[in-house]
Amino acid sequence: MAQRDGMNLPQMITRLYHESIDAGHDLGNFTSFLRVCALRYLELQLTGDVPRDTRVPIASLDADHILEKSPSAKSTPSRGERTRH
């Protein structure tokens, strides 16, 4: 996943950490959050929402559009609906 956007693993983990904080997530169990991110990435590849071609950077994709049509999105607030706790 990290290589798709020209990052190494520590850079990707740091980016996810900061994006999670910015979104107002409770990071009481960051390891669990990383597992969920990895599984969601695989799910989105299986559904075709994220191309399997690793030459396509994830940053080039329309994340909001992908997440809006994802079955998991029904239980997850969109970026605009999230609030800080």
C-alpha atoms as a PDB file:
ATOM      1  CA  MET A   1       0.000   0.000   0.000  1.00  0.00           C
ATOM      2  CA  ALA A   2       2.757   2.444   0.926  1.00  0.00           C
ATOM      3  CA  GLN A   3       4.727   1.836  -2.249  1.00  0.00           C
ATOM      4  CA  ARG A   4       1.747   2.811  -4.394  1.00  0.00           C
ATOM      5  CA  ASP A   5       2.107   6.387  -3.168  1.00  0.00           C
ATOM      6  CA  GLY A   6       5.901   6.446  -3.022  1.00  0.00           C
ATOM      7  CA  MET A   7       6.144   5.988   0.747  1.00  0.00           C
ATOM      8  CA  ASN A   8       7.910   3.519   2.978  1.00  0.00           C
ATOM      9  CA  LEU A   9       5.992   1.723   5.736  1.00  0.00           C
ATOM     10  CA  PRO A  10       6.853   4.131   8.603  1.00  0.00           C
ATOM     11  CA  GLN A  11       5.805   7.096   6.446  1.00  0.00           C
ATOM     12  CA  MET A  12       2.457   5.483   5.631  1.00  0.00           C
ATOM     13  CA  ILE A  13       1.773   4.588   9.265  1.00  0.00           C
ATOM     14  CA  THR A  14       2.615   8.150  10.328  1.00  0.00           C
ATOM     15  CA  ARG A  15       0.314   9.541   7.641  1.00  0.00           C
ATOM     16  CA  LEU A  16      -2.557   7.269   8.712  1.00  0.00           C
ATOM     17  CA  TYR A  17      -1.984   8.277  12.336  1.00  0.00           C
ATOM     18  CA  HIS A  18      -2.183  11.989  11.558  1.00  0.00           C
ATOM     19  CA  GLU A  19      -5.167  11.609   9.216  1.00  0.00           C
ATOM     20  CA  SER A  20      -6.961   9.609  11.896  1.00  0.00           C
ATOM     21  CA  ILE A  21      -6.325  12.290  14.500  1.00  0.00           C
ATOM     22  CA  ASP A  22      -7.492  14.995  12.068  1.00  0.00           C
ATOM     23  CA  ALA A  23     -10.715  13.003  11.490  1.00  0.00           C
ATOM     24  CA  GLY A  24     -11.348  12.884  15.238  1.00  0.00           C
ATOM     25  CA  HIS A  25     -10.964   9.132  15.683  1.00  0.00           C
ATOM     26  CA  ASP A  26     -10.266   7.638  19.085  1.00  0.00           C
ATOM     27  CA  LEU A  27      -6.820   6.077  18.735  1.00  0.00           C
ATOM     28  CA  GLY A  28      -7.010   3.988  21.870  1.00  0.00           C
ATOM     29  CA  ASN A  29      -6.130   0.947  19.760  1.00  0.00           C
ATOM     30  CA  PHE A  30      -4.112   2.153  16.786  1.00  0.00           C
ATOM     31  CA  THR A  31      -3.023  -1.393  15.891  1.00  0.00           C
ATOM     32  CA  SER A  32      -6.653  -2.357  15.402  1.00  0.00           C
ATOM     33  CA  PHE A  33      -7.156   0.740  13.247  1.00  0.00           C
ATOM     34  CA  LEU A  34      -4.250  -0.348  11.018  1.00  0.00           C
ATOM     35  CA  ARG A  35      -5.749  -3.834  10.634  1.00  0.00           C
ATOM     36  CA  VAL A  36      -9.076  -2.319   9.609  1.00  0.00           C
ATOM     37  CA  CYS A  37      -7.313  -0.069   7.077  1.00  0.00           C
ATOM     38  CA  ALA A  38      -5.530  -3.061   5.536  1.00  0.00           C
ATOM     39  CA  LEU A  39      -8.733  -5.103   5.335  1.00  0.00           C
ATOM     40  CA  ARG A  40     -10.688  -2.191   3.833  1.00  0.00           C
ATOM     41  CA  TYR A  41      -7.947  -1.766   1.226  1.00  0.00           C
ATOM     42  CA  LEU A  42      -8.242  -5.441   0.281  1.00  0.00           C
ATOM     43  CA  GLU A  43     -12.052  -5.215   0.241  1.00  0.00           C
ATOM     44  CA  LEU A  44     -11.922  -2.207  -2.080  1.00  0.00           C
ATOM     45  CA  GLN A  45      -9.534  -4.045  -4.392  1.00  0.00           C
ATOM     46  CA  LEU A  46     -11.840  -7.070  -4.508  1.00  0.00           C
ATOM     47  CA  THR A  47     -14.855  -4.919  -5.379  1.00  0.00           C
ATOM     48  CA  GLY A  48     -12.849  -3.115  -8.068  1.00  0.00           C
ATOM     49  CA  ASP A  49     -13.104   0.287  -6.373  1.00  0.00           C
ATOM     50  CA  VAL A  50      -9.322   0.393  -5.958  1.00  0.00           C
ATOM     51  CA  PRO A  51      -7.429  -0.820  -9.016  1.00  0.00           C
ATOM     52  CA  ARG A  52      -5.300  -3.919  -8.494  1.00  0.00           C
ATOM     53  CA  ASP A  53      -2.652  -2.302 -10.695  1.00  0.00           C
ATOM     54  CA  THR A  54      -0.191  -1.044  -8.087  1.00  0.00           C
ATOM     55  CA  ARG A  55       1.159   1.522 -10.552  1.00  0.00           C
ATOM     56  CA  VAL A  56      -2.017   3.557  -9.914  1.00  0.00           C
ATOM     57  CA  PRO A  57      -1.356   5.701  -6.805  1.00  0.00           C
ATOM     58  CA  ILE A  58      -4.041   5.582  -4.147  1.00  0.00           C
ATOM     59  CA  ALA A  59      -3.704   9.360  -3.774  1.00  0.00           C
ATOM     60  CA  SER A  60      -4.926   9.734  -7.374  1.00  0.00           C
ATOM     61  CA  LEU A  61      -8.277   8.083  -6.580  1.00  0.00           C
ATOM     62  CA  ASP A  62     -11.466   9.897  -5.498  1.00  0.00           C
ATOM     63  CA  ALA A  63     -11.655   8.595  -1.921  1.00  0.00           C
ATOM     64  CA  ASP A  64     -14.981  10.256  -1.086  1.00  0.00           C
ATOM     65  CA  HIS A  65     -16.657   8.717  -4.154  1.00  0.00           C
ATOM     66  CA  ILE A  66     -15.223   5.273  -3.403  1.00  0.00           C
ATOM     67  CA  LEU A  67     -16.293   5.364   0.239  1.00  0.00           C
ATOM     68  CA  GLU A  68     -19.798   6.675  -0.552  1.00  0.00           C
ATOM     69  CA  LYS A  69     -20.643   3.617  -2.635  1.00  0.00           C
ATOM     70  CA  SER A  70     -18.918   1.121  -0.341  1.00  0.00           C
ATOM     71  CA  PRO A  71     -21.271  -1.202   1.631  1.00  0.00           C
ATOM     72  CA  SER A  72     -19.279  -0.407   4.776  1.00  0.00           C
ATOM     73  CA  ALA A  73     -20.012   3.297   4.317  1.00  0.00           C
ATOM     74  CA  LYS A  74     -23.574   2.813   5.544  1.00  0.00           C
ATOM     75  CA  SER A  75     -22.263   2.343   9.079  1.00  0.00           C
ATOM     76  CA  THR A  76     -19.467   4.925   8.795  1.00  0.00           C
ATOM     77  CA  PRO A  77     -20.115   8.692   8.701  1.00  0.00           C
ATOM     78  CA  SER A  78     -18.715  10.523   5.681  1.00  0.00           C
ATOM     79  CA  ARG A  79     -15.880  12.992   6.154  1.00  0.00           C
ATOM     80  CA  GLY A  80     -18.336  15.897   6.359  1.00  0.00           C
ATOM     81  CA  GLU A  81     -20.447  14.168   9.022  1.00  0.00           C
ATOM     82  CA  ARG A  82     -17.595  13.255  11.371  1.00  0.00           C
ATOM     83  CA  THR A  83     -17.167  15.310  14.490  1.00  0.00           C
ATOM     84  CA  ARG A  84     -14.310  15.606  16.945  1.00  0.00           C
ATOM     85  CA  HIS A  85     -14.727  13.988  20.353  1.00  0.00           C
END
